[in-house]
Amino acid sequence: MKAKINNFEVDLSKPIDISISLSNTDENPIAWYLEKPIMEPVVFGDWIGKVSEGSSTNFNNIYFNPHAHGTHTECLGHITREFYSINQCLKQFFFLAELISVQPELQNDDLVITKIQIENALNGNFPEAIIIRTFPNKSEKLSMKYSNTNPPYLSEEAAIFIRDVGIQHLLIDLPSVDREEDGGELLAHKAFWNVQDVNNLNADARINCTITEMIFVNDEVKDGSYLLNLQIAPFENDASPSKPILFAIKK
């Protein structure tokens, strides 16, 4: 199935899934010092919600944290005192996106994605969404245990640049755009959303903009322009597990 969007042709029959699935196995990626997700059948007395145990249906409870257990999309409610829901902030789901690849630079003991790297990779192209793939791009990202590893992160200057050129949606293959332990500063989050005071939100904060973390973009997917379908579950929460899908664009 093909569709025309503006002056672009998109083949909707060839989706490129850049999400990481959520499971209760040891292969599930984990961040923020938690254990793996729990998926288990409901039990009422002798009744177990599992067909292999004699029930007519599989009927599982699932316990997980969207920030820690896989691909997720968050709104500025992640860092504000006032409640904001991703389900209310994200109301459009298709965006023109640019996929770029960068190798974080060593700064002191940290690996950092810099403004210059982002600016050079975009080369004057400022879409609605940016997808950042970091090198090395090992398949271990699909099952990485990030806690206490000080993963790479985005510099504040890079986040300001992304904001100032009008990019509304930021996707990255790391557990956070900020340093794992930063004393609660969250400089890149605040810069991207233009949040100046988490206790008293400024009028020009970017309420409809999102950050998606813990994606995985296979090496076979080339840098360039795509149509992004940013799918979330309808959680009234600051974040939701999500399934970003790319479609190649023909001009």
Protein backbone atom coordinates (compact mmCIF):
# COMPACT_ATOMS: atom_id res chain seq x y z
CA MET A 1 0.00 0.00 0.00
CA LYS A 2 1.42 3.36 -1.05
CA ALA A 3 0.42 6.84 0.07
CA LYS A 4 1.19 10.39 -1.03
CA ILE A 5 2.20 12.78 1.75
CA ASN A 6 2.93 16.32 0.60
CA ASN A 7 5.22 15.65 -2.36
CA PHE A 8 6.55 12.38 -0.96
CA GLU A 9 5.59 8.81 -1.75
CA VAL A 10 5.55 6.35 1.16
CA ASP A 11 5.17 2.57 0.96
CA LEU A 12 3.11 1.72 4.05
CA SER A 13 3.61 -2.01 3.46
CA LYS A 14 7.29 -1.73 4.48
CA PRO A 15 7.41 -0.47 8.08
CA ILE A 16 10.74 -0.17 9.92
CA ASP A 17 10.16 -0.86 13.61
CA ILE A 18 12.72 0.92 15.81
CA SER A 19 11.17 -0.05 19.14
CA ILE A 20 12.44 -2.61 21.65
CA SER A 21 9.77 -5.03 22.81
CA LEU A 22 8.95 -5.53 26.48
CA SER A 23 9.14 -9.02 27.98
CA ASN A 24 9.60 -10.74 31.32
CA THR A 25 12.79 -12.47 30.22
CA ASP A 26 16.39 -11.77 31.16
CA GLU A 27 16.84 -10.39 27.64
CA ASN A 28 14.70 -7.35 28.43
CA PRO A 29 16.76 -4.14 28.65
CA ILE A 30 16.76 -2.48 32.08
CA ALA A 31 17.72 0.94 33.40
CA TRP A 32 17.35 2.93 36.61
CA TYR A 33 18.25 0.16 39.07
CA LEU A 34 15.07 -1.90 38.65
CA GLU A 35 14.58 -5.59 38.00
CA LYS A 36 13.02 -7.08 34.87
CA PRO A 37 9.26 -6.67 34.18
CA ILE A 38 6.79 -9.11 35.70
CA MET A 39 4.13 -10.82 33.56
CA GLU A 40 2.10 -13.42 35.41
CA PRO A 41 -1.39 -14.91 35.22
CA VAL A 42 -4.12 -13.70 37.55
CA VAL A 43 -4.96 -16.19 40.28
CA PHE A 44 -8.38 -16.38 41.97
CA GLY A 45 -8.34 -19.28 44.41
CA ASP A 46 -7.93 -22.41 42.28
CA TRP A 47 -8.42 -20.50 39.03
CA ILE A 48 -5.29 -19.50 37.09
CA GLY A 49 -5.56 -17.22 34.06
CA LYS A 50 -3.57 -19.47 31.78
CA VAL A 51 -4.90 -21.78 29.09
CA SER A 52 -2.17 -24.34 29.73
CA GLU A 53 -3.41 -24.51 33.34
CA GLY A 54 -7.00 -25.22 32.29
CA SER A 55 -8.42 -21.71 31.88
CA SER A 56 -10.33 -20.65 28.77
CA THR A 57 -8.12 -17.57 28.38
CA ASN A 58 -4.66 -16.21 29.09
CA PHE A 59 -5.18 -13.36 31.56
CA ASN A 60 -1.96 -11.74 32.73
CA ASN A 61 -1.07 -8.93 35.07
CA ILE A 62 1.91 -6.90 33.88
CA TYR A 63 4.18 -4.86 36.16
CA PHE A 64 6.74 -2.63 34.49
CA ASN A 65 8.17 0.88 34.43
CA PRO A 66 8.00 2.67 31.07
CA HIS A 67 11.21 4.62 31.71
CA ALA A 68 13.23 1.58 32.73
CA HIS A 69 12.01 -1.35 30.66
CA GLY A 70 12.11 -0.49 26.97
CA THR A 71 11.18 2.02 24.30
CA HIS A 72 9.08 4.80 25.77
CA THR A 73 7.87 8.28 24.88
CA GLU A 74 7.65 11.01 27.49
CA CYS A 75 6.29 14.53 27.75
CA LEU A 76 7.48 17.41 29.91
CA GLY A 77 5.35 16.02 32.74
CA HIS A 78 8.34 13.79 33.38
CA ILE A 79 10.12 16.70 35.06
CA THR A 80 7.37 19.14 36.17
CA ARG A 81 5.61 19.49 39.50
CA GLU A 82 2.29 19.95 37.72
CA PHE A 83 0.89 16.80 36.12
CA TYR A 84 1.06 16.49 32.34
CA SER A 85 0.08 13.34 30.47
CA ILE A 86 1.75 12.02 27.34
CA ASN A 87 -1.71 10.96 26.18
CA GLN A 88 -2.85 14.59 26.26
CA CYS A 89 0.36 16.21 25.02
CA LEU A 90 0.87 14.02 21.94
CA LYS A 91 -2.09 14.49 19.62
CA GLN A 92 -0.45 14.01 16.21
CA PHE A 93 1.36 10.83 15.28
CA PHE A 94 2.96 11.25 11.84
CA PHE A 95 6.05 13.41 11.36
CA LEU A 96 8.81 13.99 8.87
CA ALA A 97 11.96 12.75 10.58
CA GLU A 98 15.69 12.69 9.98
CA LEU A 99 17.78 9.72 11.09
CA ILE A 100 21.37 10.62 11.97
CA SER A 101 24.25 8.56 13.36
CA VAL A 102 26.85 9.93 15.77
CA GLN A 103 29.70 8.56 17.84
CA PRO A 104 29.65 10.27 21.27
CA GLU A 105 32.84 12.11 22.14
CA LEU A 106 34.91 11.41 25.23
CA GLN A 107 34.75 14.36 27.62
CA ASN A 108 36.51 13.71 30.91
CA ASP A 109 35.12 10.27 31.81
CA ASP A 110 31.84 10.67 29.92
CA LEU A 111 30.72 9.97 26.36
CA VAL A 112 28.75 13.00 25.15
CA ILE A 113 26.76 13.84 22.01
CA THR A 114 27.67 17.42 21.15
CA LYS A 115 25.93 20.29 19.39
CA ILE A 116 28.52 20.28 16.60
CA GLN A 117 27.87 16.60 15.89
CA ILE A 118 24.11 17.17 15.66
CA GLU A 119 24.49 20.32 13.57
CA ASN A 120 26.89 18.68 11.13
CA ALA A 121 24.76 15.55 10.77
CA LEU A 122 21.58 17.52 10.05
CA ASN A 123 23.44 19.73 7.53
CA GLY A 124 20.75 22.42 7.47
CA ASN A 125 17.83 19.99 7.37
CA PHE A 126 15.53 20.68 10.32
CA PRO A 127 12.57 18.24 10.31
CA GLU A 128 9.77 17.78 12.83
CA ALA A 129 11.57 14.84 14.46
CA ILE A 130 15.15 13.72 14.88
CA ILE A 131 16.26 10.13 15.44
CA ILE A 132 19.74 9.73 16.93
CA ARG A 133 21.56 6.42 16.48
CA THR A 134 24.79 6.15 18.47
CA PHE A 135 27.90 4.24 17.47
CA PRO A 136 29.00 1.63 18.23
CA ASN A 137 25.57 0.25 17.39
CA LYS A 138 25.78 -3.21 18.89
CA SER A 139 22.80 -5.56 19.15
CA GLU A 140 23.50 -5.71 22.89
CA LYS A 141 21.39 -2.53 23.13
CA LEU A 142 18.37 -4.81 22.81
CA SER A 143 19.12 -6.42 26.18
CA MET A 144 21.46 -3.94 27.84
CA LYS A 145 21.52 -3.57 31.63
CA TYR A 146 22.22 0.15 31.89
CA SER A 147 22.19 0.67 35.65
CA ASN A 148 25.47 2.03 37.03
CA THR A 149 27.14 2.08 33.60
CA ASN A 150 27.13 5.87 32.96
CA PRO A 151 25.81 5.60 29.37
CA PRO A 152 26.42 8.31 26.78
CA TYR A 153 24.10 11.32 26.86
CA LEU A 154 23.20 14.55 25.09
CA SER A 155 24.92 17.80 26.02
CA GLU A 156 22.78 20.72 27.12
CA GLU A 157 24.05 22.73 24.14
CA ALA A 158 22.96 19.99 21.74
CA ALA A 159 19.48 19.92 23.28
CA ILE A 160 19.22 23.71 23.02
CA PHE A 161 20.21 23.53 19.36
CA ILE A 162 17.61 20.85 18.64
CA ARG A 163 14.99 23.01 20.36
CA ASP A 164 16.00 26.25 18.68
CA VAL A 165 15.81 24.85 15.14
CA GLY A 166 12.23 23.82 15.82
CA ILE A 167 12.54 20.04 16.12
CA GLN A 168 9.56 18.85 18.16
CA HIS A 169 10.27 15.16 18.71
CA LEU A 170 13.59 13.69 19.81
CA LEU A 171 14.25 9.94 19.60
CA ILE A 172 17.46 8.34 20.87
CA ASP A 173 18.84 4.83 21.44
CA LEU A 174 19.95 5.54 25.01
CA PRO A 175 18.10 5.21 28.34
CA SER A 176 18.14 8.98 28.82
CA VAL A 177 19.14 12.18 27.08
CA ASP A 178 20.79 13.15 30.39
CA ARG A 179 23.65 11.75 32.44
CA GLU A 180 22.72 8.76 34.60
CA GLU A 181 23.80 10.55 37.78
CA ASP A 182 23.64 14.34 37.45
CA GLY A 183 22.33 15.43 40.83
CA GLY A 184 18.83 15.94 39.43
CA GLU A 185 19.87 18.72 37.04
CA LEU A 186 18.33 17.10 33.91
CA LEU A 187 19.87 19.78 31.73
CA ALA A 188 19.06 18.23 28.35
CA HIS A 189 15.45 17.43 29.30
CA LYS A 190 14.89 20.98 30.53
CA ALA A 191 16.60 22.54 27.53
CA PHE A 192 14.65 20.51 24.97
CA TRP A 193 11.28 21.26 26.59
CA ASN A 194 12.32 24.83 27.45
CA VAL A 195 11.38 24.27 31.08
CA GLN A 196 12.89 27.05 33.17
CA ASP A 197 11.24 26.24 36.50
CA VAL A 198 9.81 22.78 37.20
CA ASN A 199 7.63 24.21 39.99
CA ASN A 200 6.10 27.05 37.96
CA LEU A 201 5.96 26.23 34.27
CA ASN A 202 6.81 29.09 31.91
CA ALA A 203 4.29 30.01 29.22
CA ASP A 204 6.65 29.13 26.36
CA ALA A 205 7.48 25.62 27.58
CA ARG A 206 7.11 23.08 24.76
CA ILE A 207 4.12 21.13 26.00
CA ASN A 208 3.46 19.27 22.75
CA CYS A 209 7.02 18.08 22.23
CA THR A 210 8.26 14.60 23.17
CA ILE A 211 11.38 12.62 23.96
CA THR A 212 11.55 8.93 23.06
CA GLU A 213 14.33 6.85 24.63
CA MET A 214 15.68 3.29 24.31
CA ILE A 215 14.99 2.78 20.64
CA PHE A 216 17.13 0.55 18.42
CA VAL A 217 17.89 1.30 14.77
CA ASN A 218 19.44 -1.58 12.87
CA ASP A 219 22.58 -0.82 10.86
CA GLU A 220 20.71 -1.77 7.68
CA VAL A 221 18.59 1.36 8.05
CA LYS A 222 20.44 4.20 6.35
CA ASP A 223 20.71 7.76 7.62
CA GLY A 224 18.29 10.10 5.91
CA SER A 225 14.68 11.26 5.77
CA TYR A 226 11.73 9.11 6.84
CA LEU A 227 8.10 9.34 7.75
CA LEU A 228 7.77 8.62 11.46
CA ASN A 229 4.65 7.11 13.00
CA LEU A 230 5.02 7.63 16.75
CA GLN A 231 2.66 5.18 18.42
CA ILE A 232 1.94 5.24 22.15
CA ALA A 233 -0.41 3.40 24.49
CA PRO A 234 -3.11 5.74 25.90
CA PHE A 235 -1.64 6.05 29.38
CA GLU A 236 -2.57 9.09 31.49
CA ASN A 237 1.00 9.26 32.71
CA ASP A 238 4.11 11.32 31.98
CA ALA A 239 5.37 8.47 29.78
CA SER A 240 4.08 5.50 27.85
CA PRO A 241 5.66 2.47 26.24
CA SER A 242 5.83 3.31 22.56
CA LYS A 243 6.38 1.86 19.11
CA PRO A 244 8.00 4.30 16.70
CA ILE A 245 7.78 3.13 13.11
CA LEU A 246 9.68 4.54 10.14
CA PHE A 247 8.72 4.50 6.49
CA ALA A 248 11.13 5.23 3.69
CA ILE A 249 10.35 8.31 1.61
CA LYS A 250 10.56 8.59 -2.15
CA LYS A 251 10.74 12.14 -3.44
